[in-house]
Protein backbone atom coordinates (compact mmCIF):
# COMPACT_ATOMS: atom_id res chain seq x y z
CA MET A 1 12.17 -3.46 -16.47
CA THR A 2 14.32 -4.24 -13.68
CA PHE A 3 16.66 -1.89 -11.97
CA ARG A 4 20.33 -2.59 -10.31
CA TYR A 5 21.31 -0.36 -7.74
CA LYS A 6 25.10 0.04 -6.30
CA ASN A 7 24.34 2.65 -3.44
CA VAL A 8 20.94 2.80 -1.82
CA TYR A 9 20.10 1.34 1.63
CA ILE A 10 17.47 1.70 3.86
CA ASN A 11 19.21 2.52 7.20
CA GLU A 12 16.19 2.76 9.39
CA THR A 13 12.34 2.34 9.35
CA GLY A 14 9.38 3.15 11.67
CA THR A 15 6.16 1.27 11.96
CA VAL A 16 2.64 2.15 13.78
CA VAL A 17 -0.24 -0.31 14.05
CA GLY A 18 -3.94 -0.43 15.16
CA PRO A 19 -5.38 -2.57 17.56
CA GLU A 20 -6.42 -5.88 15.34
CA GLU A 21 -2.46 -5.53 14.64
CA LYS A 22 -1.40 -5.43 18.31
CA LYS A 23 -3.27 -8.61 18.82
CA GLY A 24 -1.31 -10.26 16.29
CA PRO A 25 1.59 -12.55 16.38
CA LEU A 26 3.88 -9.58 15.31
CA ASN A 27 3.11 -6.63 17.97
CA ASN A 28 6.47 -7.19 19.62
CA TYR A 29 8.39 -6.09 16.44
CA PHE A 30 6.09 -3.11 15.53
CA ASP A 31 7.78 0.13 17.07
CA LYS A 32 4.09 1.57 18.33
CA SER A 33 0.54 -0.05 18.43
CA HIS A 34 -2.78 1.92 19.51
CA ASP A 35 -5.71 0.52 21.07
CA ASP A 36 -8.69 1.93 19.27
CA PHE A 37 -9.12 2.93 15.54
CA TYR A 38 -9.19 7.21 15.98
CA PHE A 39 -5.69 7.73 17.98
CA GLY A 40 -7.24 10.94 19.69
CA THR A 41 -8.74 12.38 16.26
CA LYS A 42 -12.49 12.70 15.47
CA THR A 43 -12.49 10.66 11.86
CA TRP A 44 -10.84 7.58 10.92
CA GLU A 45 -9.25 9.37 7.56
CA GLN A 46 -7.98 11.89 10.46
CA ALA A 47 -6.60 9.10 12.36
CA GLU A 48 -4.72 7.67 9.24
CA SER A 49 -3.04 10.98 8.64
CA LYS A 50 -2.09 10.91 12.32
CA LEU A 51 -0.49 7.38 11.82
CA ILE A 52 1.92 8.61 8.78
CA GLU A 53 3.04 11.58 11.25
CA GLU A 54 3.79 9.27 14.22
CA ALA A 55 5.65 6.75 11.93
CA VAL A 56 7.39 9.75 10.15
CA ASP A 57 8.49 11.08 13.68
CA ILE A 58 9.91 7.63 15.18
CA THR A 59 11.91 7.30 11.91
CA LEU A 60 13.66 10.48 12.62
CA GLY A 61 13.93 9.95 15.93
CA LYS A 62 16.00 6.61 15.26
CA LEU A 63 17.87 8.48 12.79
CA GLU A 64 18.33 11.54 15.05
CA LYS A 65 17.38 13.72 12.37
CA ASN A 66 14.52 16.27 11.60
CA ARG A 67 12.08 16.86 9.00
CA PHE A 68 14.10 19.71 7.48
CA ASP A 69 17.01 17.18 6.67
CA MET A 70 15.03 15.15 4.11
CA ASP A 71 15.30 15.93 0.63
CA LEU A 72 11.73 13.81 -0.26
CA PHE A 73 8.72 12.51 1.21
CA ILE A 74 7.03 9.82 -0.89
CA SER A 75 3.52 8.57 0.20
CA GLY A 76 0.58 6.71 -0.47
CA ASP A 77 -2.63 5.59 1.04
CA LEU A 78 -6.26 3.86 -0.09
CA LEU A 79 -8.15 6.76 0.17
CA ASN A 80 -9.55 8.82 -2.54
CA GLN A 81 -7.11 11.15 -4.01
CA ILE A 82 -4.65 9.95 -1.35
CA VAL A 83 -5.80 12.29 1.33
CA ALA A 84 -4.37 10.59 4.45
CA SER A 85 -0.97 11.36 2.89
CA ASN A 86 -1.76 14.60 1.43
CA TYR A 87 -2.96 16.01 4.72
CA ALA A 88 -0.30 14.11 6.65
CA ALA A 89 2.37 16.00 4.02
CA SER A 90 0.82 19.31 4.80
CA THR A 91 2.10 19.13 8.36
CA LEU A 92 5.38 17.71 7.56
CA ASN A 93 6.42 19.96 5.44
CA ILE A 94 8.84 17.92 2.94
CA PRO A 95 8.83 18.16 -0.76
CA TYR A 96 6.38 15.51 -1.72
CA LEU A 97 5.40 13.02 -4.01
CA GLY A 98 1.63 11.38 -3.45
CA ILE A 99 1.60 7.78 -5.24
CA TYR A 100 -1.21 5.08 -5.54
CA ASN A 101 -0.80 1.81 -6.54
CA ALA A 102 -2.94 -0.03 -4.18
CA CYS A 103 -1.56 -2.29 -1.84
CA ALA A 104 1.50 -2.45 -4.24
CA THR A 105 2.41 1.42 -3.33
CA SER A 106 4.88 0.55 -0.82
CA VAL A 107 7.24 -0.82 -3.37
CA GLU A 108 6.86 1.69 -5.78
CA GLY A 109 7.87 4.44 -3.08
CA LEU A 110 11.07 2.41 -2.83
CA ILE A 111 11.32 2.36 -6.46
CA ILE A 112 11.24 5.94 -7.17
CA GLY A 113 13.07 6.61 -4.11
CA ALA A 114 15.81 4.38 -4.80
CA ASN A 115 16.06 5.70 -8.87
CA MET A 116 16.44 9.20 -7.44
CA ILE A 117 18.88 8.11 -5.00
CA GLU A 118 21.06 6.06 -7.23
CA ALA A 119 20.83 8.93 -9.72
CA ASN A 120 22.41 11.39 -7.18
CA GLN A 121 19.32 13.69 -7.65
CA ILE A 122 18.47 13.15 -3.76
CA LYS A 123 20.05 12.13 -0.89
CA HIS A 124 17.44 11.63 2.08
CA CYS A 125 14.03 10.21 1.06
CA LEU A 126 11.40 9.12 3.19
CA CYS A 127 8.87 6.65 1.71
CA SER A 128 6.04 5.77 3.73
CA ALA A 129 2.30 3.65 2.89
CA SER A 130 -0.59 3.64 5.13
CA SER A 131 -4.19 2.11 5.62
CA HIS A 132 -6.91 2.33 7.97
CA ASN A 133 -9.63 -0.86 8.06
CA ASN A 134 -12.45 1.05 8.82
CA ALA A 135 -11.93 4.08 6.52
CA ALA A 136 -11.05 1.46 3.92
CA GLU A 137 -14.02 -0.46 4.37
CA LYS A 138 -16.46 2.72 4.09
CA GLN A 139 -14.83 3.75 0.61
CA PHE A 140 -14.38 0.49 -1.12
CA ARG A 141 -17.35 -2.15 0.44
CA TYR A 142 -19.59 -0.80 3.07
CA PRO A 143 -19.21 0.95 6.68
CA VAL A 144 -18.28 -1.26 9.44
CA GLU A 145 -21.47 -0.52 11.45
CA TYR A 146 -23.58 -2.28 8.64
CA GLY A 147 -22.09 -5.85 9.90
CA GLY A 148 -22.54 -7.36 6.53
CA PRO A 149 -21.26 -10.65 6.04
CA LYS A 150 -18.35 -11.56 4.09
CA PRO A 151 -16.57 -14.72 2.43
CA LYS A 152 -13.87 -16.51 3.55
CA THR A 153 -11.75 -15.43 0.44
CA THR A 154 -12.07 -11.49 1.57
CA THR A 155 -9.19 -9.90 3.28
CA PHE A 156 -8.96 -7.72 6.47
CA THR A 157 -7.54 -4.17 5.72
CA THR A 158 -4.50 -3.18 8.15
CA THR A 159 -4.74 -0.11 10.00
CA GLY A 160 -1.23 1.28 10.02
CA THR A 161 1.84 3.04 8.66
CA ALA A 162 5.11 1.95 7.54
CA VAL A 163 8.08 4.08 6.48
CA ALA A 164 11.35 3.95 5.35
CA TYR A 165 14.41 6.02 5.31
CA LEU A 166 16.38 5.31 2.28
CA THR A 167 19.72 6.75 1.54
CA TYR A 168 23.35 6.36 0.24
CA ASN A 169 25.01 5.64 3.60
CA LYS A 170 26.22 1.89 3.87
CA LYS A 171 23.82 0.83 6.68
CA GLY A 172 20.94 -1.32 7.39
CA VAL A 173 19.58 -3.12 4.60
CA LYS A 174 20.75 -2.80 0.64
CA ILE A 175 17.63 -2.19 -1.98
CA GLU A 176 19.92 -4.39 -4.58
CA SER A 177 17.45 -4.27 -7.83
CA ALA A 178 13.96 -3.88 -8.34
CA THR A 179 11.56 -5.03 -11.11
CA LEU A 180 8.51 -2.93 -12.26
CA GLY A 181 5.11 -4.56 -12.70
CA ARG A 182 2.83 -4.94 -15.63
CA VAL A 183 -0.66 -4.49 -15.06
CA ILE A 184 -2.40 -8.09 -15.31
CA ASP A 185 -6.21 -8.52 -15.84
CA MET A 186 -7.54 -11.76 -15.48
CA GLY A 187 -11.44 -11.11 -15.67
CA ILE A 188 -12.09 -11.37 -12.30
CA LYS A 189 -14.56 -8.95 -11.01
CA ASP A 190 -15.39 -9.84 -7.29
CA ALA A 191 -14.13 -7.42 -5.23
CA TYR A 192 -13.79 -10.29 -2.43
CA GLU A 193 -11.47 -12.62 -4.22
CA MET A 194 -8.68 -10.10 -4.47
CA GLY A 195 -6.05 -12.89 -3.71
CA ALA A 196 -6.85 -14.25 -7.05
CA VAL A 197 -7.34 -10.97 -8.59
CA MET A 198 -3.31 -10.31 -7.44
CA ALA A 199 -1.61 -13.80 -8.00
CA PRO A 200 -1.24 -13.77 -11.35
CA ALA A 201 0.61 -10.12 -11.21
CA ALA A 202 2.63 -11.48 -8.75
CA ALA A 203 3.66 -14.52 -10.76
CA ASP A 204 4.27 -12.40 -13.63
CA THR A 205 6.82 -10.06 -11.56
CA ILE A 206 8.65 -12.80 -9.75
CA PHE A 207 9.22 -14.70 -13.00
CA ARG A 208 10.11 -11.44 -15.05
CA HIS A 209 12.49 -10.47 -11.94
CA LEU A 210 14.17 -14.03 -11.99
CA GLN A 211 14.74 -13.84 -15.93
CA ASN A 212 16.03 -10.55 -16.06
CA THR A 213 18.47 -11.02 -13.23
CA LYS A 214 19.27 -14.50 -14.34
CA ARG A 215 18.40 -15.99 -11.11
CA GLU A 216 16.46 -19.35 -9.92
CA ALA A 217 14.33 -18.50 -7.10
CA ASP A 218 16.25 -20.25 -4.46
CA TYR A 219 18.60 -17.77 -4.80
CA TYR A 220 16.69 -15.70 -2.04
CA ASP A 221 16.27 -17.19 1.18
CA LEU A 222 12.64 -15.81 1.13
CA ILE A 223 10.26 -14.48 -1.92
CA LEU A 224 7.79 -12.49 0.31
CA THR A 225 4.27 -11.47 -1.20
CA GLY A 226 2.07 -9.09 0.16
CA ASP A 227 -0.77 -9.04 -0.03
CA LEU A 228 -2.43 -12.10 -1.31
CA GLY A 229 -4.04 -13.82 1.93
CA SER A 230 -3.83 -17.44 2.38
CA VAL A 231 -6.10 -18.20 -0.54
CA GLY A 232 -3.94 -15.97 -3.17
CA LYS A 233 -0.74 -17.42 -1.52
CA LYS A 234 -1.96 -21.02 -2.85
CA ILE A 235 -3.07 -19.82 -5.73
CA LEU A 236 0.17 -18.23 -6.25
CA VAL A 237 2.27 -21.13 -5.77
CA ASP A 238 0.11 -23.39 -7.99
CA TYR A 239 0.28 -20.54 -10.90
CA MET A 240 4.23 -20.49 -10.47
CA TYR A 241 4.87 -23.77 -10.91
CA THR A 242 1.97 -24.29 -13.78
CA GLU A 243 2.85 -21.50 -15.67
CA TYR A 244 6.42 -21.18 -15.44
CA GLY A 245 7.71 -24.40 -14.09
CA ILE A 246 8.86 -22.61 -10.99
CA GLU A 247 8.43 -24.33 -7.55
CA LEU A 248 8.64 -21.84 -4.82
CA HIS A 249 9.98 -23.46 -1.70
CA HIS A 250 10.77 -20.55 0.38
CA TYR A 251 7.90 -18.19 0.20
CA ASP A 252 5.53 -16.53 2.35
CA ASP A 253 2.73 -13.88 2.58
CA THR A 254 2.35 -10.88 4.65
CA ALA A 255 -1.19 -11.02 4.54
CA ALA A 256 -0.94 -14.26 6.03
CA MET A 257 1.80 -13.16 8.53
CA ILE A 258 0.56 -10.13 10.28
CA PHE A 259 -2.54 -11.46 11.43
CA ASP A 260 -3.43 -14.89 13.38
CA LEU A 261 -5.68 -16.42 11.02
CA GLU A 262 -7.06 -19.23 13.77
CA ARG A 263 -7.81 -16.61 16.29
CA GLN A 264 -8.51 -13.58 15.01
CA SER A 265 -11.71 -12.99 12.51
CA VAL A 266 -9.85 -11.34 9.36
CA TYR A 267 -10.75 -13.91 6.88
CA SER A 268 -8.04 -15.02 4.39
CA GLY A 269 -5.57 -12.35 6.07
CA GLY A 270 -4.47 -8.69 6.25
CA SER A 271 -4.41 -6.46 3.15
CA GLY A 272 -3.87 -2.75 2.53
CA PRO A 273 -0.70 -0.71 1.24
CA ALA A 274 0.49 -0.64 5.05
CA CYS A 275 0.67 -4.83 5.10
CA ALA A 276 3.48 -5.70 3.21
CA PRO A 277 5.83 -2.84 4.71
CA LEU A 278 4.73 -3.46 8.13
CA VAL A 279 5.54 -6.80 7.83
CA THR A 280 8.72 -6.46 6.27
CA TYR A 281 10.14 -3.37 8.37
CA SER A 282 9.51 -4.96 11.49
CA TYR A 283 9.75 -8.95 11.61
CA ILE A 284 11.61 -9.49 8.47
CA PHE A 285 14.22 -7.08 8.77
CA HIS A 286 14.80 -8.39 12.58
CA GLN A 287 15.66 -11.07 10.73
CA MET A 288 17.94 -10.00 8.59
CA ARG A 289 19.64 -8.15 10.90
CA LYS A 290 20.30 -11.39 13.23
CA LYS A 291 21.60 -12.77 9.44
CA LYS A 292 18.50 -15.35 9.67
CA LEU A 293 17.60 -13.89 6.47
CA ARG A 294 20.12 -12.54 3.75
CA ARG A 295 18.35 -12.12 0.48
CA VAL A 296 14.60 -11.19 0.42
CA LEU A 297 12.53 -10.72 -2.71
CA LEU A 298 9.67 -8.58 -1.65
CA VAL A 299 6.83 -8.24 -3.86
CA ALA A 300 3.91 -5.85 -3.34
CA THR A 301 0.62 -6.76 -4.87
CA GLY A 302 -2.11 -4.03 -5.58
CA ALA A 303 -5.55 -4.67 -6.92
CA LEU A 304 -6.46 -1.33 -9.02
CA MET A 305 -10.07 -1.46 -7.79
CA SER A 306 -12.47 1.15 -8.20
CA THR A 307 -16.07 1.03 -6.76
CA THR A 308 -17.27 3.07 -10.16
CA MET A 309 -15.74 0.18 -11.94
CA VAL A 310 -16.72 -2.45 -10.05
CA ASN A 311 -20.58 -1.40 -10.16
CA GLN A 312 -20.15 -1.26 -14.02
CA LYS A 313 -19.40 -4.87 -13.92
CA LEU A 314 -15.91 -4.43 -15.05
CA SER A 315 -13.08 -6.83 -14.41
CA ILE A 316 -10.27 -5.76 -11.56
CA PRO A 317 -6.93 -5.65 -12.99
CA ALA A 318 -3.85 -6.03 -10.72
CA ILE A 319 -0.09 -5.14 -10.43
CA ALA A 320 3.13 -6.09 -8.54
CA HIS A 321 6.34 -4.59 -8.06
CA ALA A 322 9.34 -6.20 -6.39
CA VAL A 323 12.62 -5.38 -4.61
CA SER A 324 15.47 -7.50 -3.89
CA LEU A 325 16.42 -6.51 -0.33
CA GLU A 326 19.81 -8.06 1.05
CA VAL A 327 21.95 -7.39 3.98
CA VAL A 328 24.51 -5.14 4.19
CA GLU A 329 28.21 -6.93 4.80
């Protein structure tokens, strides 16, 4: 299913990152970065909630608005019961929708907010997605203190929050259309092969978006996935050509951009709900403001993984949602 929008824009964004992202190649484009993983709190989960609050405050500061001007706050994260978003929402005191689609959460939030603005149900919406490396590792794999070895195919969960302000004001970046993803399960059971798990879902959504809009891949200056990593990125390119006969000439993946894969110990690259929007709302939007990119298809990918189901030896399903972003003329 693909939606078309006439009157939905991302006017402003806010991005906050942790220490590893600060060491990466895009640090100059983020609004704020931290030197440790606690951010003045006692636990990693509390730290993630603080990241969300900081990114919201940065966004509102750019807008010269306050929390009471907002009609809706949409947020999601990786933690059980999306507790980072829930606790942040209790502080923000904005009407709230908590969502979960793993690393595809950011674009899911944009689609929900865009549909409500297009329908004139709301006028001012904040969409947030966050993740925290240490909190996610503790929940989905093993606490980082264990120091367990990992294969090169694994990804490194980003620490950060990215917030977008959606409204009807013609300013910033337009959300031109969006395609909802379908859950794709290729039978992969290895939790360290997230790129391979998610690449077919990304391919399915890209293909259906191009088919529904009657566009060629080269219509976009950039097709951007997140977060397949260096391994999944290659799989997607091969899969798109083999399955659909589509060559991706202008393509990149946020997981391969947010870190320096040769210098930093991040395996195949970044991951987490924050990865795709952090890169998009910082570096990509900078390029769009300079008119170096005018049309970008952002495809956020999510591995719908549960440790309970993985321990039951079940395969890992995946999903990808897409939004078409355009420069406001």
